[in-house]
Amino acid sequence: MQHMFTAVFVEGESGVCVAYVEELPGAHAQGKDVDEARKNLAEAVELILAANRRVTHESFARARVIRRERIVVGR
């Protein structure tokens, strides 16, 4: 499944590149340059989404699902 997020890259004082995703609190990463920070950030986002999905499934494991669909937000 493919998702699209806004990644922000900031050059730190020590020259390290720090990155975060605006739409996903807690999605932060860093790297020696933008390319490495981007790769690390993508991995962090994948891990966060997988963990969130697992927690949600566990929380509603006994619930009767009446419908499951994909939604599109934004323009």
N, C-alpha and C. Protein backbone atom coordinates (compact mmCIF):
# COMPACT_ATOMS: atom_id res chain seq x y z
N MET A 1 0.85 -1.17 0.00
CA MET A 1 0.00 0.00 0.00
C MET A 1 0.90 1.24 0.00
N GLN A 2 0.57 2.17 -0.83
CA GLN A 2 1.39 3.38 -0.94
C GLN A 2 0.68 4.54 -0.28
N HIS A 3 1.43 5.33 0.47
CA HIS A 3 0.91 6.53 1.16
C HIS A 3 1.77 7.71 0.73
N MET A 4 1.20 8.89 0.83
CA MET A 4 1.96 10.09 0.51
C MET A 4 1.92 11.03 1.71
N PHE A 5 3.09 11.44 2.17
CA PHE A 5 3.21 12.33 3.31
C PHE A 5 4.14 13.49 2.95
N THR A 6 4.10 14.53 3.78
CA THR A 6 5.00 15.67 3.60
C THR A 6 6.20 15.50 4.52
N ALA A 7 7.36 15.32 3.93
CA ALA A 7 8.60 15.19 4.71
C ALA A 7 9.29 16.55 4.76
N VAL A 8 9.77 16.90 5.94
CA VAL A 8 10.50 18.15 6.14
C VAL A 8 11.92 17.79 6.56
N PHE A 9 12.90 18.39 5.91
CA PHE A 9 14.31 18.11 6.19
C PHE A 9 14.95 19.40 6.71
N VAL A 10 15.66 19.28 7.84
CA VAL A 10 16.29 20.42 8.49
C VAL A 10 17.75 20.09 8.71
N GLU A 11 18.62 21.01 8.32
CA GLU A 11 20.04 20.79 8.58
C GLU A 11 20.35 21.21 10.01
N GLY A 12 20.86 20.26 10.77
CA GLY A 12 21.20 20.52 12.17
C GLY A 12 22.50 21.27 12.28
N GLU A 13 22.78 21.76 13.49
CA GLU A 13 24.00 22.54 13.73
C GLU A 13 25.27 21.72 13.47
N SER A 14 25.20 20.44 13.72
CA SER A 14 26.39 19.59 13.53
C SER A 14 26.50 19.06 12.11
N GLY A 15 25.61 19.53 11.22
CA GLY A 15 25.65 19.09 9.83
C GLY A 15 24.78 17.88 9.55
N VAL A 16 24.23 17.28 10.60
CA VAL A 16 23.33 16.14 10.45
C VAL A 16 21.99 16.63 9.91
N CYS A 17 21.37 15.85 9.06
CA CYS A 17 20.06 16.20 8.52
C CYS A 17 18.98 15.53 9.36
N VAL A 18 18.07 16.32 9.90
CA VAL A 18 16.96 15.83 10.70
C VAL A 18 15.71 15.92 9.83
N ALA A 19 14.87 14.88 9.91
CA ALA A 19 13.67 14.85 9.07
C ALA A 19 12.45 14.47 9.91
N TYR A 20 11.29 14.97 9.52
CA TYR A 20 10.05 14.57 10.18
C TYR A 20 8.91 14.63 9.17
N VAL A 21 7.82 13.97 9.51
CA VAL A 21 6.61 13.97 8.68
C VAL A 21 5.58 14.85 9.37
N GLU A 22 5.11 15.86 8.66
CA GLU A 22 4.15 16.80 9.25
C GLU A 22 2.85 16.12 9.71
N GLU A 23 2.37 15.15 8.94
CA GLU A 23 1.06 14.55 9.20
C GLU A 23 1.09 13.39 10.20
N LEU A 24 2.26 13.01 10.64
CA LEU A 24 2.36 11.81 11.48
C LEU A 24 3.22 12.11 12.71
N PRO A 25 2.60 12.49 13.82
CA PRO A 25 3.37 12.77 15.03
C PRO A 25 4.25 11.59 15.41
N GLY A 26 5.46 11.88 15.79
CA GLY A 26 6.38 10.83 16.20
C GLY A 26 7.25 10.30 15.09
N ALA A 27 6.97 10.68 13.86
CA ALA A 27 7.77 10.21 12.72
C ALA A 27 8.95 11.16 12.51
N HIS A 28 10.07 10.79 13.11
CA HIS A 28 11.30 11.58 13.02
C HIS A 28 12.45 10.66 12.64
N ALA A 29 13.44 11.20 12.00
CA ALA A 29 14.64 10.44 11.66
C ALA A 29 15.77 11.42 11.41
N GLN A 30 16.95 10.87 11.22
CA GLN A 30 18.09 11.71 10.88
C GLN A 30 19.04 10.91 10.02
N GLY A 31 19.98 11.62 9.41
CA GLY A 31 20.98 10.97 8.57
C GLY A 31 22.12 11.92 8.32
N LYS A 32 23.17 11.40 7.73
CA LYS A 32 24.33 12.25 7.45
C LYS A 32 24.05 13.23 6.32
N ASP A 33 23.02 12.93 5.51
CA ASP A 33 22.60 13.83 4.43
C ASP A 33 21.10 13.60 4.17
N VAL A 34 20.54 14.35 3.24
CA VAL A 34 19.10 14.27 2.96
C VAL A 34 18.71 12.86 2.49
N ASP A 35 19.52 12.26 1.65
CA ASP A 35 19.18 10.92 1.14
C ASP A 35 19.10 9.89 2.26
N GLU A 36 20.05 9.92 3.15
CA GLU A 36 20.03 8.96 4.26
C GLU A 36 18.87 9.27 5.21
N ALA A 37 18.62 10.55 5.48
CA ALA A 37 17.50 10.93 6.34
C ALA A 37 16.17 10.50 5.72
N ARG A 38 16.03 10.64 4.40
CA ARG A 38 14.81 10.24 3.70
C ARG A 38 14.59 8.73 3.84
N LYS A 39 15.64 7.96 3.65
CA LYS A 39 15.55 6.50 3.77
C LYS A 39 15.17 6.11 5.20
N ASN A 40 15.81 6.72 6.17
CA ASN A 40 15.51 6.42 7.57
C ASN A 40 14.10 6.85 7.95
N LEU A 41 13.66 7.98 7.41
CA LEU A 41 12.31 8.46 7.70
C LEU A 41 11.26 7.53 7.10
N ALA A 42 11.48 7.06 5.89
CA ALA A 42 10.54 6.12 5.27
C ALA A 42 10.42 4.86 6.11
N GLU A 43 11.54 4.37 6.63
CA GLU A 43 11.50 3.18 7.48
C GLU A 43 10.75 3.47 8.78
N ALA A 44 10.96 4.63 9.37
CA ALA A 44 10.27 5.01 10.60
C ALA A 44 8.76 5.07 10.37
N VAL A 45 8.35 5.66 9.26
CA VAL A 45 6.92 5.76 8.94
C VAL A 45 6.31 4.37 8.76
N GLU A 46 7.00 3.49 8.04
CA GLU A 46 6.49 2.13 7.86
C GLU A 46 6.31 1.43 9.21
N LEU A 47 7.28 1.59 10.11
CA LEU A 47 7.19 0.96 11.43
C LEU A 47 6.03 1.53 12.25
N ILE A 48 5.86 2.85 12.21
CA ILE A 48 4.77 3.49 12.96
C ILE A 48 3.42 3.03 12.43
N LEU A 49 3.25 3.01 11.11
CA LEU A 49 1.97 2.58 10.53
C LEU A 49 1.67 1.12 10.87
N ALA A 50 2.68 0.26 10.80
CA ALA A 50 2.48 -1.15 11.14
C ALA A 50 2.10 -1.31 12.61
N ALA A 51 2.77 -0.58 13.49
CA ALA A 51 2.45 -0.65 14.92
C ALA A 51 1.05 -0.14 15.20
N ASN A 52 0.69 0.99 14.58
CA ASN A 52 -0.65 1.55 14.77
C ASN A 52 -1.72 0.58 14.28
N ARG A 53 -1.47 -0.04 13.13
CA ARG A 53 -2.42 -1.01 12.56
C ARG A 53 -2.59 -2.20 13.51
N ARG A 54 -1.47 -2.71 14.04
CA ARG A 54 -1.52 -3.85 14.95
C ARG A 54 -2.29 -3.51 16.23
N VAL A 55 -2.01 -2.35 16.81
CA VAL A 55 -2.70 -1.93 18.04
C VAL A 55 -4.20 -1.78 17.78
N THR A 56 -4.55 -1.20 16.65
CA THR A 56 -5.97 -1.03 16.32
C THR A 56 -6.66 -2.37 16.16
N HIS A 57 -6.03 -3.28 15.44
CA HIS A 57 -6.63 -4.61 15.26
C HIS A 57 -6.81 -5.32 16.60
N GLU A 58 -5.81 -5.21 17.47
CA GLU A 58 -5.91 -5.84 18.78
C GLU A 58 -7.00 -5.19 19.63
N SER A 59 -7.13 -3.87 19.52
CA SER A 59 -8.13 -3.15 20.31
C SER A 59 -9.56 -3.51 19.90
N PHE A 60 -9.75 -3.79 18.62
CA PHE A 60 -11.08 -4.09 18.12
C PHE A 60 -11.24 -5.56 17.72
N ALA A 61 -10.41 -6.43 18.28
CA ALA A 61 -10.41 -7.84 17.89
C ALA A 61 -11.77 -8.50 18.12
N ARG A 62 -12.48 -8.11 19.12
CA ARG A 62 -13.77 -8.73 19.43
C ARG A 62 -14.96 -7.99 18.81
N ALA A 63 -14.69 -6.88 18.20
CA ALA A 63 -15.77 -6.08 17.61
C ALA A 63 -16.25 -6.71 16.30
N ARG A 64 -17.49 -6.51 16.00
CA ARG A 64 -18.06 -6.99 14.74
C ARG A 64 -17.85 -5.89 13.70
N VAL A 65 -16.98 -6.13 12.75
CA VAL A 65 -16.69 -5.14 11.71
C VAL A 65 -17.87 -5.12 10.74
N ILE A 66 -18.45 -3.94 10.55
CA ILE A 66 -19.60 -3.85 9.64
C ILE A 66 -19.21 -3.38 8.25
N ARG A 67 -18.06 -2.74 8.16
CA ARG A 67 -17.60 -2.29 6.85
C ARG A 67 -16.15 -1.86 6.93
N ARG A 68 -15.41 -2.15 5.87
CA ARG A 68 -14.02 -1.74 5.79
C ARG A 68 -13.81 -1.16 4.41
N GLU A 69 -13.33 0.07 4.35
CA GLU A 69 -13.11 0.71 3.06
C GLU A 69 -11.95 1.67 3.16
N ARG A 70 -11.41 2.04 2.04
CA ARG A 70 -10.34 3.02 1.97
C ARG A 70 -10.97 4.40 1.75
N ILE A 71 -10.36 5.40 2.35
CA ILE A 71 -10.82 6.76 2.15
C ILE A 71 -9.69 7.59 1.57
N VAL A 72 -10.04 8.61 0.85
CA VAL A 72 -9.06 9.54 0.27
C VAL A 72 -9.35 10.89 0.90
N VAL A 73 -8.29 11.51 1.41
CA VAL A 73 -8.43 12.83 2.02
C VAL A 73 -7.52 13.81 1.29
N GLY A 74 -7.83 15.06 1.38
CA GLY A 74 -7.02 16.08 0.71
C GLY A 74 -7.50 16.36 -0.69
N ARG A 75 -6.73 17.15 -1.37
CA ARG A 75 -7.13 17.56 -2.72
C ARG A 75 -6.25 16.96 -3.76
